[in-house]
Amino acid sequence: VFLPGTVTVLSALTNSVVKTIEVKTNPRFMAVDLTGRLHVVCTGNYGNIEGEIVVVNTAVDTVEQYIPIGGQPGDIAMTSNGVAYVTGGGWANEPGKLFRYNSATGEILNGSGNPIEVGTGAARIAINYDDEVFVACETSERVDKVVVDERVDSFQIGNSPRAILIYTR
């Protein structure tokens, strides 16, 4: 059973709960945009309730916007110009999906109706300094590279990559 979820705001100074904010079904991943707002990825129930992004104004700890991204969204990362990329699984015989939206306006650029296709099992995501997107595709055992809205390369990794990090020396 997936119930409506919450985000809990904690004070590191007092070690106490400041506020509990109600969001949508099954909150799982979060990212902060260029203005300091929190984007909470709520996956839905993997059935009849599709995923949504809940945007929280962190200055007043209230929900400011709902973005109906659709599908069953997963991990989220932001580019330097405020475009949010969200993984979208693809766990059976369907390709993985990558959604994206403008984090400032909420405009969906690639949602469940027009996703960027990536490898099956698109689980985790990382973005480098050039705003190139890398998606760890667990089931297809590869990492896909996406530039803007197109998969431009794939790297066969093996062993079901589940985490990804970009480290620049």
C-alpha atoms as a PDB file:
ATOM      1  CA  VAL A   1       0.000   0.000   0.000  1.00  0.00           C
ATOM      2  CA  PHE A   2       1.389   3.386  -1.012  1.00  0.00           C
ATOM      3  CA  LEU A   3      -0.145   6.223   0.933  1.00  0.00           C
ATOM      4  CA  PRO A   4       0.322   9.946   0.453  1.00  0.00           C
ATOM      5  CA  GLY A   5       3.797  10.728   1.716  1.00  0.00           C
ATOM      6  CA  THR A   6       5.468  13.432   3.708  1.00  0.00           C
ATOM      7  CA  VAL A   7       8.707  15.386   3.786  1.00  0.00           C
ATOM      8  CA  THR A   8       9.996  16.156   7.254  1.00  0.00           C
ATOM      9  CA  VAL A   9      11.976  19.340   7.864  1.00  0.00           C
ATOM     10  CA  LEU A  10      14.560  18.926  10.627  1.00  0.00           C
ATOM     11  CA  SER A  11      16.638  21.494  12.494  1.00  0.00           C
ATOM     12  CA  ALA A  12      20.294  20.509  12.720  1.00  0.00           C
ATOM     13  CA  LEU A  13      20.720  23.140  15.447  1.00  0.00           C
ATOM     14  CA  THR A  14      18.050  21.803  17.797  1.00  0.00           C
ATOM     15  CA  ASN A  15      17.825  18.195  16.582  1.00  0.00           C
ATOM     16  CA  SER A  16      14.069  18.561  16.309  1.00  0.00           C
ATOM     17  CA  VAL A  17      11.274  18.354  13.750  1.00  0.00           C
ATOM     18  CA  VAL A  18      10.401  21.799  12.392  1.00  0.00           C
ATOM     19  CA  LYS A  19       7.534  20.812  10.096  1.00  0.00           C
ATOM     20  CA  THR A  20       6.016  17.889   8.223  1.00  0.00           C
ATOM     21  CA  ILE A  21       4.873  18.655   4.679  1.00  0.00           C
ATOM     22  CA  GLU A  22       2.326  16.433   2.917  1.00  0.00           C
ATOM     23  CA  VAL A  23       3.284  15.498  -0.641  1.00  0.00           C
ATOM     24  CA  LYS A  24       1.989  12.887  -3.110  1.00  0.00           C
ATOM     25  CA  THR A  25       2.196   9.075  -3.212  1.00  0.00           C
ATOM     26  CA  ASN A  26       5.550   7.423  -2.405  1.00  0.00           C
ATOM     27  CA  PRO A  27       8.151  10.222  -2.181  1.00  0.00           C
ATOM     28  CA  ARG A  28      11.543   8.707  -3.023  1.00  0.00           C
ATOM     29  CA  PHE A  29      14.085  11.164  -4.470  1.00  0.00           C
ATOM     30  CA  MET A  30      14.839  14.890  -4.113  1.00  0.00           C
ATOM     31  CA  ALA A  31      16.888  17.677  -5.682  1.00  0.00           C
ATOM     32  CA  VAL A  32      17.247  21.411  -5.109  1.00  0.00           C
ATOM     33  CA  ASP A  33      16.817  23.845  -8.014  1.00  0.00           C
ATOM     34  CA  LEU A  34      18.704  27.075  -8.740  1.00  0.00           C
ATOM     35  CA  THR A  35      16.377  29.122  -6.510  1.00  0.00           C
ATOM     36  CA  GLY A  36      16.599  26.765  -3.539  1.00  0.00           C
ATOM     37  CA  ARG A  37      13.238  25.063  -4.038  1.00  0.00           C
ATOM     38  CA  LEU A  38      13.039  21.359  -3.246  1.00  0.00           C
ATOM     39  CA  HIS A  39      11.774  19.014  -5.989  1.00  0.00           C
ATOM     40  CA  VAL A  40      10.373  15.800  -4.495  1.00  0.00           C
ATOM     41  CA  VAL A  41       9.878  12.852  -6.855  1.00  0.00           C
ATOM     42  CA  CYS A  42       6.766  10.888  -5.868  1.00  0.00           C
ATOM     43  CA  THR A  43       6.635   7.636  -7.843  1.00  0.00           C
ATOM     44  CA  GLY A  44       2.941   6.905  -7.532  1.00  0.00           C
ATOM     45  CA  ASN A  45       1.873   3.347  -6.705  1.00  0.00           C
ATOM     46  CA  TYR A  46       3.338   1.626  -9.794  1.00  0.00           C
ATOM     47  CA  GLY A  47      -0.228   1.003 -10.937  1.00  0.00           C
ATOM     48  CA  ASN A  48      -3.139   3.391 -11.323  1.00  0.00           C
ATOM     49  CA  ILE A  49      -1.491   6.408  -9.630  1.00  0.00           C
ATOM     50  CA  GLU A  50       1.188   7.954 -11.842  1.00  0.00           C
ATOM     51  CA  GLY A  51       4.202   9.851 -10.607  1.00  0.00           C
ATOM     52  CA  GLU A  52       4.368  13.547  -9.844  1.00  0.00           C
ATOM     53  CA  ILE A  53       6.998  16.054  -8.858  1.00  0.00           C
ATOM     54  CA  VAL A  54       6.096  18.138  -5.810  1.00  0.00           C
ATOM     55  CA  VAL A  55       7.922  21.474  -5.566  1.00  0.00           C
ATOM     56  CA  VAL A  56       8.420  22.814  -2.039  1.00  0.00           C
ATOM     57  CA  ASN A  57       9.285  26.440  -1.305  1.00  0.00           C
ATOM     58  CA  THR A  58      12.013  25.954   1.304  1.00  0.00           C
ATOM     59  CA  ALA A  59      11.789  29.554   2.553  1.00  0.00           C
ATOM     60  CA  VAL A  60       8.330  28.877   4.010  1.00  0.00           C
ATOM     61  CA  ASP A  61       8.236  25.045   3.863  1.00  0.00           C
ATOM     62  CA  THR A  62       5.050  24.799   1.816  1.00  0.00           C
ATOM     63  CA  VAL A  63       4.089  23.063  -1.429  1.00  0.00           C
ATOM     64  CA  GLU A  64       4.276  25.547  -4.275  1.00  0.00           C
ATOM     65  CA  GLN A  65       3.659  23.438  -7.376  1.00  0.00           C
ATOM     66  CA  TYR A  66       2.744  19.980  -8.658  1.00  0.00           C
ATOM     67  CA  ILE A  67       4.293  18.756 -11.918  1.00  0.00           C
ATOM     68  CA  PRO A  68       2.394  15.763 -13.418  1.00  0.00           C
ATOM     69  CA  ILE A  69       5.424  14.089 -15.025  1.00  0.00           C
ATOM     70  CA  GLY A  70       3.583  10.749 -15.318  1.00  0.00           C
ATOM     71  CA  GLY A  71       4.946   7.223 -15.478  1.00  0.00           C
ATOM     72  CA  GLN A  72       6.864   5.907 -12.482  1.00  0.00           C
ATOM     73  CA  PRO A  73       9.641   8.479 -12.031  1.00  0.00           C
ATOM     74  CA  GLY A  74      12.805   7.748 -10.088  1.00  0.00           C
ATOM     75  CA  ASP A  75      16.078   9.554  -9.433  1.00  0.00           C
ATOM     76  CA  ILE A  76      16.409  13.267 -10.228  1.00  0.00           C
ATOM     77  CA  ALA A  77      19.288  15.617 -11.095  1.00  0.00           C
ATOM     78  CA  MET A  78      19.474  19.259 -12.217  1.00  0.00           C
ATOM     79  CA  THR A  79      21.555  20.897 -14.938  1.00  0.00           C
ATOM     80  CA  SER A  80      23.356  24.195 -14.414  1.00  0.00           C
ATOM     81  CA  ASN A  81      20.602  26.002 -16.338  1.00  0.00           C
ATOM     82  CA  GLY A  82      17.731  24.541 -14.315  1.00  0.00           C
ATOM     83  CA  VAL A  83      16.534  21.619 -16.406  1.00  0.00           C
ATOM     84  CA  ALA A  84      15.550  18.663 -14.236  1.00  0.00           C
ATOM     85  CA  TYR A  85      16.129  15.133 -15.537  1.00  0.00           C
ATOM     86  CA  VAL A  86      14.262  12.212 -13.963  1.00  0.00           C
ATOM     87  CA  THR A  87      14.799   8.489 -14.588  1.00  0.00           C
ATOM     88  CA  GLY A  88      11.814   6.322 -15.446  1.00  0.00           C
ATOM     89  CA  GLY A  89      12.684   2.635 -15.054  1.00  0.00           C
ATOM     90  CA  GLY A  90      11.536   0.400 -17.864  1.00  0.00           C
ATOM     91  CA  TRP A  91      11.803  -2.849 -15.952  1.00  0.00           C
ATOM     92  CA  ALA A  92      10.160  -5.504 -18.117  1.00  0.00           C
ATOM     93  CA  ASN A  93      10.444  -5.647 -21.892  1.00  0.00           C
ATOM     94  CA  GLU A  94      10.132  -1.913 -22.384  1.00  0.00           C
ATOM     95  CA  PRO A  95      12.959   0.613 -22.730  1.00  0.00           C
ATOM     96  CA  GLY A  96      13.999   2.804 -19.853  1.00  0.00           C
ATOM     97  CA  LYS A  97      12.718   6.340 -19.865  1.00  0.00           C
ATOM     98  CA  LEU A  98      14.207   9.706 -19.076  1.00  0.00           C
ATOM     99  CA  PHE A  99      11.893  12.623 -18.355  1.00  0.00           C
ATOM    100  CA  ARG A 100      12.881  16.289 -18.213  1.00  0.00           C
ATOM    101  CA  TYR A 101      11.238  19.562 -17.262  1.00  0.00           C
ATOM    102  CA  ASN A 102      12.055  23.219 -16.676  1.00  0.00           C
ATOM    103  CA  SER A 103      12.496  23.483 -12.901  1.00  0.00           C
ATOM    104  CA  ALA A 104      11.689  27.218 -12.864  1.00  0.00           C
ATOM    105  CA  THR A 105       8.364  27.001 -14.707  1.00  0.00           C
ATOM    106  CA  GLY A 106       7.347  23.351 -14.383  1.00  0.00           C
ATOM    107  CA  GLU A 107       7.017  23.018 -18.164  1.00  0.00           C
ATOM    108  CA  ILE A 108       7.353  19.340 -19.068  1.00  0.00           C
ATOM    109  CA  LEU A 109       9.778  18.960 -21.964  1.00  0.00           C
ATOM    110  CA  ASN A 110       9.791  15.137 -22.079  1.00  0.00           C
ATOM    111  CA  GLY A 111       7.133  13.392 -20.005  1.00  0.00           C
ATOM    112  CA  SER A 112       5.571   9.953 -20.034  1.00  0.00           C
ATOM    113  CA  GLY A 113       4.046  10.636 -23.465  1.00  0.00           C
ATOM    114  CA  ASN A 114       7.350  11.566 -25.132  1.00  0.00           C
ATOM    115  CA  PRO A 115      10.224  10.266 -22.980  1.00  0.00           C
ATOM    116  CA  ILE A 116      13.860  10.079 -23.991  1.00  0.00           C
ATOM    117  CA  GLU A 117      14.511   6.345 -24.465  1.00  0.00           C
ATOM    118  CA  VAL A 118      17.456   4.893 -22.569  1.00  0.00           C
ATOM    119  CA  GLY A 119      18.469   1.412 -21.445  1.00  0.00           C
ATOM    120  CA  THR A 120      16.120  -0.864 -19.539  1.00  0.00           C
ATOM    121  CA  GLY A 121      16.092  -0.362 -15.789  1.00  0.00           C
ATOM    122  CA  ALA A 122      17.013   3.338 -15.819  1.00  0.00           C
ATOM    123  CA  ALA A 123      17.710   3.769 -12.133  1.00  0.00           C
ATOM    124  CA  ARG A 124      20.188   6.488 -11.183  1.00  0.00           C
ATOM    125  CA  ILE A 125      21.394   9.668 -12.841  1.00  0.00           C
ATOM    126  CA  ALA A 126      24.332  12.083 -12.753  1.00  0.00           C
ATOM    127  CA  ILE A 127      25.105  15.265 -14.681  1.00  0.00           C
ATOM    128  CA  ASN A 128      28.589  16.592 -15.437  1.00  0.00           C
ATOM    129  CA  TYR A 129      29.817  20.200 -15.667  1.00  0.00           C
ATOM    130  CA  ASP A 130      28.956  20.298 -19.375  1.00  0.00           C
ATOM    131  CA  ASP A 131      25.327  19.363 -18.551  1.00  0.00           C
ATOM    132  CA  GLU A 132      25.738  15.947 -20.163  1.00  0.00           C
ATOM    133  CA  VAL A 133      23.440  13.417 -18.510  1.00  0.00           C
ATOM    134  CA  PHE A 134      24.538   9.888 -17.572  1.00  0.00           C
ATOM    135  CA  VAL A 135      21.959   7.239 -16.683  1.00  0.00           C
ATOM    136  CA  ALA A 136      22.796   3.959 -14.937  1.00  0.00           C
ATOM    137  CA  CYS A 137      20.591   1.352 -16.639  1.00  0.00           C
ATOM    138  CA  GLU A 138      20.498  -1.631 -14.317  1.00  0.00           C
ATOM    139  CA  THR A 139      18.746  -4.260 -16.422  1.00  0.00           C
ATOM    140  CA  SER A 140      20.576  -3.542 -19.685  1.00  0.00           C
ATOM    141  CA  GLU A 141      23.862  -3.344 -17.716  1.00  0.00           C
ATOM    142  CA  ARG A 142      25.031  -0.100 -19.277  1.00  0.00           C
ATOM    143  CA  VAL A 143      25.390   3.631 -18.731  1.00  0.00           C
ATOM    144  CA  ASP A 144      23.748   5.846 -21.331  1.00  0.00           C
ATOM    145  CA  LYS A 145      24.915   9.365 -22.168  1.00  0.00           C
ATOM    146  CA  VAL A 146      22.235  11.917 -23.076  1.00  0.00           C
ATOM    147  CA  VAL A 147      22.793  15.404 -24.458  1.00  0.00           C
ATOM    148  CA  VAL A 148      19.712  17.633 -24.203  1.00  0.00           C
ATOM    149  CA  ASP A 149      17.024  15.198 -25.412  1.00  0.00           C
ATOM    150  CA  GLU A 150      18.982  12.551 -27.304  1.00  0.00           C
ATOM    151  CA  ARG A 151      20.896   9.451 -26.239  1.00  0.00           C
ATOM    152  CA  VAL A 152      24.263   9.910 -27.922  1.00  0.00           C
ATOM    153  CA  ASP A 153      26.328   7.060 -26.476  1.00  0.00           C
ATOM    154  CA  SER A 154      26.180   3.888 -24.381  1.00  0.00           C
ATOM    155  CA  PHE A 155      28.865   2.268 -22.282  1.00  0.00           C
ATOM    156  CA  GLN A 156      28.461  -1.448 -21.571  1.00  0.00           C
ATOM    157  CA  ILE A 157      29.341  -1.870 -17.887  1.00  0.00           C
ATOM    158  CA  GLY A 158      27.938  -5.246 -16.812  1.00  0.00           C
ATOM    159  CA  ASN A 159      26.941  -6.277 -13.300  1.00  0.00           C
ATOM    160  CA  SER A 160      23.748  -4.186 -13.147  1.00  0.00           C
ATOM    161  CA  PRO A 161      24.989  -0.633 -12.477  1.00  0.00           C
ATOM    162  CA  ARG A 162      22.801   0.851  -9.763  1.00  0.00           C
ATOM    163  CA  ALA A 163      24.721   3.926  -8.627  1.00  0.00           C
ATOM    164  CA  ILE A 164      26.549   6.599 -10.585  1.00  0.00           C
ATOM    165  CA  LEU A 165      28.840   9.466  -9.668  1.00  0.00           C
ATOM    166  CA  ILE A 166      30.824  11.860 -11.819  1.00  0.00           C
ATOM    167  CA  TYR A 167      34.162  12.843 -10.341  1.00  0.00           C
ATOM    168  CA  THR A 168      36.249  15.485 -12.084  1.00  0.00           C
ATOM    169  CA  ARG A 169      39.941  15.811 -11.264  1.00  0.00           C
END
